[in-house]
Amino acid sequence: MKKISVLASLLFAYAAAFAQQSAPVEMADEMRSSGKIYVVIATIVIIFTGLAIYLFSIDRRLKKIEKEK
C-alpha cells in the first residue's frame, strides 16, 4: 500500500511539472549572450567537485579507521 501511494504521488508530481506552460527566461538569455552563464556554470562545477573530493576523502578515512578496529 505504501509503495502504491508513493508511486501515485510521484506520478502526480510528474504530471504537474509538465502541465505548467514554459515562459521565456530573459535573465538566462541575457547571461548567455554576455558570457556570464559560463562563469556561473564553472563556479557550480568547482563547488560540486570540491564536495565530491571532500566526501571521498572522508570515506577513505572512515574505511581506514574501521579496518584498524
N, C-alpha and C. Protein backbone atom coordinates (compact mmCIF):
# COMPACT_ATOMS: atom_id res chain seq x y z
N MET A 1 0.83 -1.19 0.00
CA MET A 1 0.00 0.00 0.00
C MET A 1 0.87 1.25 0.00
N LYS A 2 1.97 1.21 0.77
CA LYS A 2 2.85 2.38 0.85
C LYS A 2 3.52 2.64 -0.50
N LYS A 3 3.91 1.57 -1.20
CA LYS A 3 4.55 1.73 -2.50
C LYS A 3 3.59 2.34 -3.50
N ILE A 4 2.35 1.95 -3.45
CA ILE A 4 1.35 2.49 -4.38
C ILE A 4 1.12 3.97 -4.13
N SER A 5 1.07 4.37 -2.86
CA SER A 5 0.86 5.79 -2.56
C SER A 5 2.07 6.63 -2.97
N VAL A 6 3.27 6.10 -2.81
CA VAL A 6 4.47 6.82 -3.24
C VAL A 6 4.49 6.95 -4.75
N LEU A 7 4.15 5.86 -5.44
CA LEU A 7 4.11 5.88 -6.89
C LEU A 7 3.07 6.87 -7.41
N ALA A 8 1.91 6.89 -6.77
CA ALA A 8 0.85 7.83 -7.18
C ALA A 8 1.27 9.27 -6.97
N SER A 9 1.94 9.55 -5.87
CA SER A 9 2.38 10.92 -5.61
C SER A 9 3.46 11.35 -6.59
N LEU A 10 4.36 10.43 -6.96
CA LEU A 10 5.38 10.75 -7.94
C LEU A 10 4.78 11.00 -9.32
N LEU A 11 3.80 10.19 -9.69
CA LEU A 11 3.14 10.40 -10.97
C LEU A 11 2.38 11.72 -10.99
N PHE A 12 1.77 12.09 -9.88
CA PHE A 12 1.07 13.36 -9.80
C PHE A 12 2.04 14.52 -9.94
N ALA A 13 3.19 14.42 -9.28
CA ALA A 13 4.20 15.48 -9.36
C ALA A 13 4.75 15.58 -10.78
N TYR A 14 4.93 14.45 -11.44
CA TYR A 14 5.42 14.41 -12.82
C TYR A 14 4.43 15.10 -13.75
N ALA A 15 3.16 14.79 -13.58
CA ALA A 15 2.12 15.39 -14.43
C ALA A 15 1.99 16.88 -14.16
N ALA A 16 2.13 17.28 -12.91
CA ALA A 16 2.02 18.70 -12.57
C ALA A 16 3.19 19.49 -13.13
N ALA A 17 4.36 18.88 -13.20
CA ALA A 17 5.53 19.58 -13.72
C ALA A 17 5.39 19.86 -15.22
N PHE A 18 4.81 18.93 -15.95
CA PHE A 18 4.65 19.12 -17.38
C PHE A 18 3.38 19.88 -17.74
N ALA A 19 2.51 20.11 -16.80
CA ALA A 19 1.29 20.85 -17.07
C ALA A 19 1.54 22.36 -17.10
N GLN A 20 2.65 22.79 -16.52
CA GLN A 20 2.96 24.21 -16.49
C GLN A 20 3.46 24.66 -17.86
N GLN A 21 3.04 25.84 -18.25
CA GLN A 21 3.50 26.38 -19.52
C GLN A 21 4.86 27.03 -19.32
N SER A 22 5.72 26.86 -20.30
CA SER A 22 7.05 27.42 -20.16
C SER A 22 7.07 28.84 -20.71
N ALA A 23 7.58 29.75 -19.92
CA ALA A 23 7.73 31.13 -20.33
C ALA A 23 9.20 31.38 -20.62
N PRO A 24 9.49 32.25 -21.56
CA PRO A 24 10.90 32.53 -21.85
C PRO A 24 11.59 33.18 -20.66
N VAL A 25 12.80 32.75 -20.41
CA VAL A 25 13.56 33.27 -19.28
C VAL A 25 14.52 34.32 -19.83
N GLU A 26 14.21 35.57 -19.57
CA GLU A 26 15.01 36.67 -20.12
C GLU A 26 16.38 36.76 -19.47
N MET A 27 16.44 36.49 -18.16
CA MET A 27 17.72 36.60 -17.46
C MET A 27 18.73 35.60 -18.02
N ALA A 28 18.28 34.38 -18.29
CA ALA A 28 19.19 33.36 -18.81
C ALA A 28 19.69 33.74 -20.21
N ASP A 29 18.82 34.28 -21.03
CA ASP A 29 19.23 34.70 -22.37
C ASP A 29 20.24 35.83 -22.31
N GLU A 30 20.03 36.76 -21.39
CA GLU A 30 20.96 37.88 -21.24
C GLU A 30 22.32 37.41 -20.74
N MET A 31 22.31 36.49 -19.76
CA MET A 31 23.58 35.98 -19.23
C MET A 31 24.32 35.15 -20.28
N ARG A 32 23.57 34.42 -21.09
CA ARG A 32 24.19 33.61 -22.13
C ARG A 32 24.81 34.50 -23.19
N SER A 33 24.13 35.58 -23.57
CA SER A 33 24.66 36.46 -24.61
C SER A 33 25.90 37.22 -24.14
N SER A 34 25.97 37.54 -22.85
CA SER A 34 27.14 38.27 -22.35
C SER A 34 28.26 37.34 -21.91
N GLY A 35 28.02 36.04 -21.85
CA GLY A 35 29.05 35.08 -21.48
C GLY A 35 29.15 34.85 -19.99
N LYS A 36 28.31 35.45 -19.19
CA LYS A 36 28.38 35.28 -17.74
C LYS A 36 27.86 33.92 -17.28
N ILE A 37 27.05 33.28 -18.11
CA ILE A 37 26.49 31.99 -17.72
C ILE A 37 27.59 30.95 -17.56
N TYR A 38 28.68 31.11 -18.32
CA TYR A 38 29.78 30.16 -18.23
C TYR A 38 30.52 30.31 -16.91
N VAL A 39 30.56 31.51 -16.38
CA VAL A 39 31.18 31.74 -15.07
C VAL A 39 30.34 31.07 -13.99
N VAL A 40 29.03 31.17 -14.10
CA VAL A 40 28.14 30.54 -13.13
C VAL A 40 28.28 29.03 -13.18
N ILE A 41 28.30 28.47 -14.38
CA ILE A 41 28.43 27.02 -14.54
C ILE A 41 29.78 26.54 -14.01
N ALA A 42 30.84 27.28 -14.30
CA ALA A 42 32.17 26.90 -13.81
C ALA A 42 32.23 26.93 -12.29
N THR A 43 31.60 27.93 -11.68
CA THR A 43 31.58 28.01 -10.23
C THR A 43 30.83 26.83 -9.62
N ILE A 44 29.70 26.46 -10.20
CA ILE A 44 28.93 25.33 -9.69
C ILE A 44 29.72 24.03 -9.84
N VAL A 45 30.40 23.86 -10.97
CA VAL A 45 31.19 22.66 -11.18
C VAL A 45 32.34 22.58 -10.17
N ILE A 46 32.98 23.69 -9.90
CA ILE A 46 34.08 23.71 -8.93
C ILE A 46 33.58 23.34 -7.53
N ILE A 47 32.42 23.90 -7.15
CA ILE A 47 31.87 23.61 -5.83
C ILE A 47 31.51 22.13 -5.70
N PHE A 48 30.83 21.57 -6.70
CA PHE A 48 30.45 20.16 -6.63
C PHE A 48 31.67 19.24 -6.67
N THR A 49 32.69 19.60 -7.43
CA THR A 49 33.91 18.80 -7.47
C THR A 49 34.60 18.81 -6.11
N GLY A 50 34.65 19.98 -5.49
CA GLY A 50 35.24 20.07 -4.16
C GLY A 50 34.49 19.25 -3.14
N LEU A 51 33.17 19.29 -3.19
CA LEU A 51 32.36 18.49 -2.27
C LEU A 51 32.58 16.99 -2.50
N ALA A 52 32.66 16.58 -3.76
CA ALA A 52 32.88 15.16 -4.06
C ALA A 52 34.23 14.70 -3.54
N ILE A 53 35.27 15.50 -3.76
CA ILE A 53 36.61 15.13 -3.27
C ILE A 53 36.61 15.05 -1.75
N TYR A 54 35.95 16.00 -1.10
CA TYR A 54 35.89 16.01 0.37
C TYR A 54 35.17 14.76 0.89
N LEU A 55 34.05 14.40 0.26
CA LEU A 55 33.31 13.22 0.71
C LEU A 55 34.10 11.93 0.49
N PHE A 56 34.79 11.82 -0.64
CA PHE A 56 35.60 10.63 -0.88
C PHE A 56 36.76 10.52 0.11
N SER A 57 37.34 11.68 0.48
CA SER A 57 38.44 11.62 1.45
C SER A 57 37.93 11.20 2.83
N ILE A 58 36.76 11.68 3.21
CA ILE A 58 36.16 11.26 4.48
C ILE A 58 35.85 9.76 4.45
N ASP A 59 35.37 9.28 3.32
CA ASP A 59 35.06 7.85 3.19
C ASP A 59 36.32 7.01 3.34
N ARG A 60 37.41 7.45 2.74
CA ARG A 60 38.66 6.71 2.87
C ARG A 60 39.14 6.67 4.31
N ARG A 61 39.03 7.80 5.00
CA ARG A 61 39.45 7.85 6.40
C ARG A 61 38.61 6.92 7.26
N LEU A 62 37.31 6.91 7.02
CA LEU A 62 36.43 6.03 7.79
C LEU A 62 36.74 4.57 7.55
N LYS A 63 37.00 4.22 6.30
CA LYS A 63 37.36 2.83 6.00
C LYS A 63 38.66 2.44 6.70
N LYS A 64 39.61 3.36 6.74
CA LYS A 64 40.87 3.09 7.41
C LYS A 64 40.66 2.88 8.91
N ILE A 65 39.82 3.70 9.52
CA ILE A 65 39.52 3.58 10.96
C ILE A 65 38.79 2.27 11.23
N GLU A 66 37.85 1.89 10.36
CA GLU A 66 37.11 0.64 10.55
C GLU A 66 38.02 -0.58 10.44
N LYS A 67 39.00 -0.53 9.54
CA LYS A 67 39.91 -1.68 9.40
C LYS A 67 40.82 -1.82 10.62
N GLU A 68 41.14 -0.71 11.26
CA GLU A 68 42.00 -0.76 12.43
C GLU A 68 41.31 -1.41 13.62
N LYS A 69 40.01 -1.29 13.70
CA LYS A 69 39.27 -1.85 14.85
C LYS A 69 38.98 -3.30 14.67
